[in-house]
Amino acid sequence: MTDDIKPPLKAVRDGYAPAPFFFEQSNAEDGIRLVAWTGNLDQLRSLFRSIVESFSDNLELLFKTDTDSEDGQWTRFHGSVPSWKFKQAISTFDELIFRDGGSVLCVKDSRIGDYLALDQNGIFFLYSNKPIYPSIFQAHGFDMRQNELIDEKPHWNVRPKNASEDGKKFIQELGLLRV
């Protein structure tokens, strides 16, 4: 099945189609995060995998889902997994990770504390002070510039047909526990 007949990215907003971009944000405690967005699914996958590859062999995952939630709140699952196991899961659960607007995935490098998050709107966040990361974003075709994000105006989130079932399988396969 090709990307053009699968569900779109996690979120859609009429008229929102900027070229891929990233920018840096900082907070009062000198924490830095890179914020990125692309409408190109292959580009998002490639960036995500490159960052995961730069992490150590032990990862901590936080998976949040609003599937089957009666009160609209996130249900959170956490666990530690070897990177090889997570890399397999990225391929197996591609649609859940990259297209489900009802889930958020955070991946933390257990050794150094850097982490990435792919939110329910398809916005990619990387929390790190390492100066190497901007060049990785640029190598994947992201321009460094401030840009309005998809969630700054009305938009809608997309839920693939099998999101609920795939979420349950993802949690089980990686041994994540509800927190």
C-alpha atoms as a PDB file:
ATOM      1  CA  MET A   1       0.000   0.000   0.000  1.00  0.00           C
ATOM      2  CA  THR A   2       1.445   3.397  -0.922  1.00  0.00           C
ATOM      3  CA  ASP A   3       1.456   6.433   1.342  1.00  0.00           C
ATOM      4  CA  ASP A   4      -1.014   8.316  -0.860  1.00  0.00           C
ATOM      5  CA  ILE A   5      -3.847   5.884  -0.092  1.00  0.00           C
ATOM      6  CA  LYS A   6      -3.116   5.414   3.613  1.00  0.00           C
ATOM      7  CA  PRO A   7      -4.463   7.866   6.185  1.00  0.00           C
ATOM      8  CA  PRO A   8      -2.640  11.214   6.222  1.00  0.00           C
ATOM      9  CA  LEU A   9      -0.277  12.336   8.943  1.00  0.00           C
ATOM     10  CA  LYS A  10      -1.444  12.601  12.565  1.00  0.00           C
ATOM     11  CA  ALA A  11      -3.096  15.995  12.098  1.00  0.00           C
ATOM     12  CA  VAL A  12      -4.501  17.994   9.209  1.00  0.00           C
ATOM     13  CA  ARG A  13      -5.234  21.685   8.853  1.00  0.00           C
ATOM     14  CA  ASP A  14      -6.648  23.223   5.694  1.00  0.00           C
ATOM     15  CA  GLY A  15      -3.977  25.234   3.931  1.00  0.00           C
ATOM     16  CA  TYR A  16      -1.152  24.168   6.265  1.00  0.00           C
ATOM     17  CA  ALA A  17       1.706  22.972   4.075  1.00  0.00           C
ATOM     18  CA  PRO A  18       4.975  24.728   4.976  1.00  0.00           C
ATOM     19  CA  ALA A  19       8.294  23.357   3.784  1.00  0.00           C
ATOM     20  CA  PRO A  20       9.963  21.191   6.462  1.00  0.00           C
ATOM     21  CA  PHE A  21      11.363  23.308   9.290  1.00  0.00           C
ATOM     22  CA  PHE A  22      12.855  23.187  12.775  1.00  0.00           C
ATOM     23  CA  PHE A  23      13.718  25.761  15.393  1.00  0.00           C
ATOM     24  CA  GLU A  24      15.178  25.914  18.876  1.00  0.00           C
ATOM     25  CA  GLN A  25      13.253  26.731  22.034  1.00  0.00           C
ATOM     26  CA  SER A  26      14.707  27.206  25.512  1.00  0.00           C
ATOM     27  CA  ASN A  27      13.273  27.542  28.986  1.00  0.00           C
ATOM     28  CA  ALA A  28      14.337  29.334  32.171  1.00  0.00           C
ATOM     29  CA  GLU A  29      16.371  26.344  33.392  1.00  0.00           C
ATOM     30  CA  ASP A  30      18.604  26.420  30.263  1.00  0.00           C
ATOM     31  CA  GLY A  31      16.782  23.442  28.807  1.00  0.00           C
ATOM     32  CA  ILE A  32      16.790  23.343  25.041  1.00  0.00           C
ATOM     33  CA  ARG A  33      14.514  21.541  22.662  1.00  0.00           C
ATOM     34  CA  LEU A  34      14.348  21.422  18.913  1.00  0.00           C
ATOM     35  CA  VAL A  35      10.854  21.602  17.436  1.00  0.00           C
ATOM     36  CA  ALA A  36      10.239  20.277  13.915  1.00  0.00           C
ATOM     37  CA  TRP A  37       7.464  19.569  11.454  1.00  0.00           C
ATOM     38  CA  THR A  38       7.191  18.091   7.990  1.00  0.00           C
ATOM     39  CA  GLY A  39       4.290  16.989   5.861  1.00  0.00           C
ATOM     40  CA  ASN A  40       6.512  14.342   4.277  1.00  0.00           C
ATOM     41  CA  LEU A  41       6.052  11.024   6.056  1.00  0.00           C
ATOM     42  CA  ASP A  42       9.274   9.476   4.729  1.00  0.00           C
ATOM     43  CA  GLN A  43      11.241  12.488   5.927  1.00  0.00           C
ATOM     44  CA  LEU A  44       9.668  12.254   9.394  1.00  0.00           C
ATOM     45  CA  ARG A  45      10.434   8.520   9.604  1.00  0.00           C
ATOM     46  CA  SER A  46      14.024   9.097   8.535  1.00  0.00           C
ATOM     47  CA  LEU A  47      14.627  11.835  11.114  1.00  0.00           C
ATOM     48  CA  PHE A  48      12.970   9.790  13.864  1.00  0.00           C
ATOM     49  CA  ARG A  49      15.103   6.726  13.082  1.00  0.00           C
ATOM     50  CA  SER A  50      18.329   8.759  12.884  1.00  0.00           C
ATOM     51  CA  ILE A  51      17.760  10.261  16.296  1.00  0.00           C
ATOM     52  CA  VAL A  52      16.895   6.866  17.795  1.00  0.00           C
ATOM     53  CA  GLU A  53      20.105   5.491  16.217  1.00  0.00           C
ATOM     54  CA  SER A  54      22.101   8.188  18.022  1.00  0.00           C
ATOM     55  CA  PHE A  55      20.755   7.033  21.402  1.00  0.00           C
ATOM     56  CA  SER A  56      22.344   4.341  23.582  1.00  0.00           C
ATOM     57  CA  ASP A  57      21.292   0.689  23.696  1.00  0.00           C
ATOM     58  CA  ASN A  58      18.812   1.195  26.533  1.00  0.00           C
ATOM     59  CA  LEU A  59      15.703   3.261  26.004  1.00  0.00           C
ATOM     60  CA  GLU A  60      12.832   4.376  28.178  1.00  0.00           C
ATOM     61  CA  LEU A  61       9.472   4.735  26.464  1.00  0.00           C
ATOM     62  CA  LEU A  62       6.393   6.682  27.395  1.00  0.00           C
ATOM     63  CA  PHE A  63       3.382   5.942  25.213  1.00  0.00           C
ATOM     64  CA  LYS A  64       0.263   8.014  25.721  1.00  0.00           C
ATOM     65  CA  THR A  65      -3.030   7.184  24.070  1.00  0.00           C
ATOM     66  CA  ASP A  66      -6.560   8.514  24.205  1.00  0.00           C
ATOM     67  CA  THR A  67      -7.964   5.326  22.682  1.00  0.00           C
ATOM     68  CA  ASP A  68     -11.111   4.104  24.409  1.00  0.00           C
ATOM     69  CA  SER A  69     -10.890   6.919  26.960  1.00  0.00           C
ATOM     70  CA  GLU A  70     -14.335   7.898  28.151  1.00  0.00           C
ATOM     71  CA  ASP A  71     -13.131  11.126  29.780  1.00  0.00           C
ATOM     72  CA  GLY A  72     -10.826  12.254  26.968  1.00  0.00           C
ATOM     73  CA  GLN A  73      -7.744  11.906  29.177  1.00  0.00           C
ATOM     74  CA  TRP A  74      -4.487  10.292  28.137  1.00  0.00           C
ATOM     75  CA  THR A  75      -3.726   6.784  29.330  1.00  0.00           C
ATOM     76  CA  ARG A  76       0.016   6.472  29.905  1.00  0.00           C
ATOM     77  CA  PHE A  77       2.289   3.431  29.556  1.00  0.00           C
ATOM     78  CA  HIS A  78       5.976   3.286  30.447  1.00  0.00           C
ATOM     79  CA  GLY A  79       8.823   0.828  30.181  1.00  0.00           C
ATOM     80  CA  SER A  80      12.499   0.250  29.483  1.00  0.00           C
ATOM     81  CA  VAL A  81      13.441  -1.619  26.332  1.00  0.00           C
ATOM     82  CA  PRO A  82      16.625  -2.472  24.467  1.00  0.00           C
ATOM     83  CA  SER A  83      17.052  -0.287  21.391  1.00  0.00           C
ATOM     84  CA  TRP A  84      17.060  -3.286  19.014  1.00  0.00           C
ATOM     85  CA  LYS A  85      13.602  -4.276  20.221  1.00  0.00           C
ATOM     86  CA  PHE A  86      12.264  -0.755  19.817  1.00  0.00           C
ATOM     87  CA  LYS A  87      13.754  -0.463  16.316  1.00  0.00           C
ATOM     88  CA  GLN A  88      11.840  -3.610  15.319  1.00  0.00           C
ATOM     89  CA  ALA A  89       8.653  -2.127  16.767  1.00  0.00           C
ATOM     90  CA  ILE A  90       9.101   1.070  14.727  1.00  0.00           C
ATOM     91  CA  SER A  91       8.668  -0.962  11.544  1.00  0.00           C
ATOM     92  CA  THR A  92       5.908  -3.194  12.866  1.00  0.00           C
ATOM     93  CA  PHE A  93       3.842  -0.303  14.233  1.00  0.00           C
ATOM     94  CA  ASP A  94       4.661   2.352  11.642  1.00  0.00           C
ATOM     95  CA  GLU A  95       1.046   3.478  11.197  1.00  0.00           C
ATOM     96  CA  LEU A  96       0.490   3.794  14.953  1.00  0.00           C
ATOM     97  CA  ILE A  97       3.692   5.764  15.548  1.00  0.00           C
ATOM     98  CA  PHE A  98       3.574   8.101  12.562  1.00  0.00           C
ATOM     99  CA  ARG A  99      -0.127   8.415  11.652  1.00  0.00           C
ATOM    100  CA  ASP A 100      -2.187   8.053  14.824  1.00  0.00           C
ATOM    101  CA  GLY A 101      -3.409  11.433  16.040  1.00  0.00           C
ATOM    102  CA  GLY A 102      -4.601   9.784  19.247  1.00  0.00           C
ATOM    103  CA  SER A 103      -1.160   8.852  20.529  1.00  0.00           C
ATOM    104  CA  VAL A 104       2.087  10.410  21.689  1.00  0.00           C
ATOM    105  CA  LEU A 105       5.402   8.565  21.840  1.00  0.00           C
ATOM    106  CA  CYS A 106       8.402   9.685  23.910  1.00  0.00           C
ATOM    107  CA  VAL A 107      11.763   7.901  23.658  1.00  0.00           C
ATOM    108  CA  LYS A 108      14.507   8.660  26.174  1.00  0.00           C
ATOM    109  CA  ASP A 109      18.169   7.678  26.047  1.00  0.00           C
ATOM    110  CA  SER A 110      18.555   6.090  29.503  1.00  0.00           C
ATOM    111  CA  ARG A 111      22.278   6.796  29.591  1.00  0.00           C
ATOM    112  CA  ILE A 112      22.375  10.544  28.892  1.00  0.00           C
ATOM    113  CA  GLY A 113      18.795  11.703  29.370  1.00  0.00           C
ATOM    114  CA  ASP A 114      18.170  13.157  25.895  1.00  0.00           C
ATOM    115  CA  TYR A 115      14.721  12.352  24.592  1.00  0.00           C
ATOM    116  CA  LEU A 116      12.446  12.806  21.647  1.00  0.00           C
ATOM    117  CA  ALA A 117       8.688  13.106  21.483  1.00  0.00           C
ATOM    118  CA  LEU A 118       6.345  12.732  18.535  1.00  0.00           C
ATOM    119  CA  ASP A 119       3.084  14.294  19.620  1.00  0.00           C
ATOM    120  CA  GLN A 120      -0.509  13.718  18.555  1.00  0.00           C
ATOM    121  CA  ASN A 121      -0.194  16.421  15.885  1.00  0.00           C
ATOM    122  CA  GLY A 122       2.937  15.015  14.247  1.00  0.00           C
ATOM    123  CA  ILE A 123       5.168  17.658  15.807  1.00  0.00           C
ATOM    124  CA  PHE A 124       8.640  16.309  16.574  1.00  0.00           C
ATOM    125  CA  PHE A 125      10.436  17.498  19.712  1.00  0.00           C
ATOM    126  CA  LEU A 126      14.026  16.710  20.675  1.00  0.00           C
ATOM    127  CA  TYR A 127      15.147  17.632  24.188  1.00  0.00           C
ATOM    128  CA  SER A 128      18.923  17.950  24.193  1.00  0.00           C
ATOM    129  CA  ASN A 129      21.737  20.473  24.558  1.00  0.00           C
ATOM    130  CA  LYS A 130      24.002  18.593  22.108  1.00  0.00           C
ATOM    131  CA  PRO A 131      25.204  20.890  19.306  1.00  0.00           C
ATOM    132  CA  ILE A 132      25.261  18.010  16.762  1.00  0.00           C
ATOM    133  CA  TYR A 133      21.491  17.704  16.442  1.00  0.00           C
ATOM    134  CA  PRO A 134      20.725  20.777  14.285  1.00  0.00           C
ATOM    135  CA  SER A 135      23.045  19.405  11.603  1.00  0.00           C
ATOM    136  CA  ILE A 136      21.164  16.079  11.702  1.00  0.00           C
ATOM    137  CA  PHE A 137      17.869  17.907  11.116  1.00  0.00           C
ATOM    138  CA  GLN A 138      19.434  19.841   8.233  1.00  0.00           C
ATOM    139  CA  ALA A 139      20.885  16.653   6.727  1.00  0.00           C
ATOM    140  CA  HIS A 140      17.319  15.319   6.586  1.00  0.00           C
ATOM    141  CA  GLY A 141      16.099  18.362   4.657  1.00  0.00           C
ATOM    142  CA  PHE A 142      14.699  20.507   7.479  1.00  0.00           C
ATOM    143  CA  ASP A 143      15.343  24.252   7.218  1.00  0.00           C
ATOM    144  CA  MET A 144      16.204  26.082  10.427  1.00  0.00           C
ATOM    145  CA  ARG A 145      13.517  28.722  10.782  1.00  0.00           C
ATOM    146  CA  GLN A 146      10.729  29.728  13.123  1.00  0.00           C
ATOM    147  CA  ASN A 147       7.360  28.720  11.693  1.00  0.00           C
ATOM    148  CA  GLU A 148       3.787  28.495  12.879  1.00  0.00           C
ATOM    149  CA  LEU A 149       2.958  24.980  14.074  1.00  0.00           C
ATOM    150  CA  ILE A 150      -0.022  22.981  12.871  1.00  0.00           C
ATOM    151  CA  ASP A 151      -1.726  23.109  16.277  1.00  0.00           C
ATOM    152  CA  GLU A 152      -1.677  26.905  16.527  1.00  0.00           C
ATOM    153  CA  LYS A 153      -4.981  27.116  14.616  1.00  0.00           C
ATOM    154  CA  PRO A 154      -7.989  24.806  14.327  1.00  0.00           C
ATOM    155  CA  HIS A 155      -7.034  21.386  12.981  1.00  0.00           C
ATOM    156  CA  TRP A 156      -8.214  17.820  13.291  1.00  0.00           C
ATOM    157  CA  ASN A 157      -6.439  14.668  14.328  1.00  0.00           C
ATOM    158  CA  VAL A 158      -6.557  11.499  12.258  1.00  0.00           C
ATOM    159  CA  ARG A 159      -7.161   8.045  13.745  1.00  0.00           C
ATOM    160  CA  PRO A 160      -6.241   5.071  11.551  1.00  0.00           C
ATOM    161  CA  LYS A 161      -8.788   2.284  11.484  1.00  0.00           C
ATOM    162  CA  ASN A 162      -6.692  -0.111  13.589  1.00  0.00           C
ATOM    163  CA  ALA A 163      -5.216   2.425  16.032  1.00  0.00           C
ATOM    164  CA  SER A 164      -6.846   0.980  19.151  1.00  0.00           C
ATOM    165  CA  GLU A 165      -5.847  -2.616  18.422  1.00  0.00           C
ATOM    166  CA  ASP A 166      -2.343  -1.640  17.262  1.00  0.00           C
ATOM    167  CA  GLY A 167      -1.841   0.413  20.425  1.00  0.00           C
ATOM    168  CA  LYS A 168      -2.663  -2.599  22.579  1.00  0.00           C
ATOM    169  CA  LYS A 169      -0.263  -4.806  20.583  1.00  0.00           C
ATOM    170  CA  PHE A 170       2.491  -2.171  20.794  1.00  0.00           C
ATOM    171  CA  ILE A 171       2.112  -1.950  24.582  1.00  0.00           C
ATOM    172  CA  GLN A 172       2.149  -5.717  24.955  1.00  0.00           C
ATOM    173  CA  GLU A 173       5.065  -6.359  22.580  1.00  0.00           C
ATOM    174  CA  LEU A 174       7.295  -3.840  24.360  1.00  0.00           C
ATOM    175  CA  GLY A 175       6.158  -4.810  27.855  1.00  0.00           C
ATOM    176  CA  LEU A 176       4.966  -1.322  28.753  1.00  0.00           C
ATOM    177  CA  LEU A 177       3.073  -0.898  32.021  1.00  0.00           C
ATOM    178  CA  ARG A 178       0.269   1.512  32.772  1.00  0.00           C
ATOM    179  CA  VAL A 179       1.364   4.432  34.976  1.00  0.00           C
END
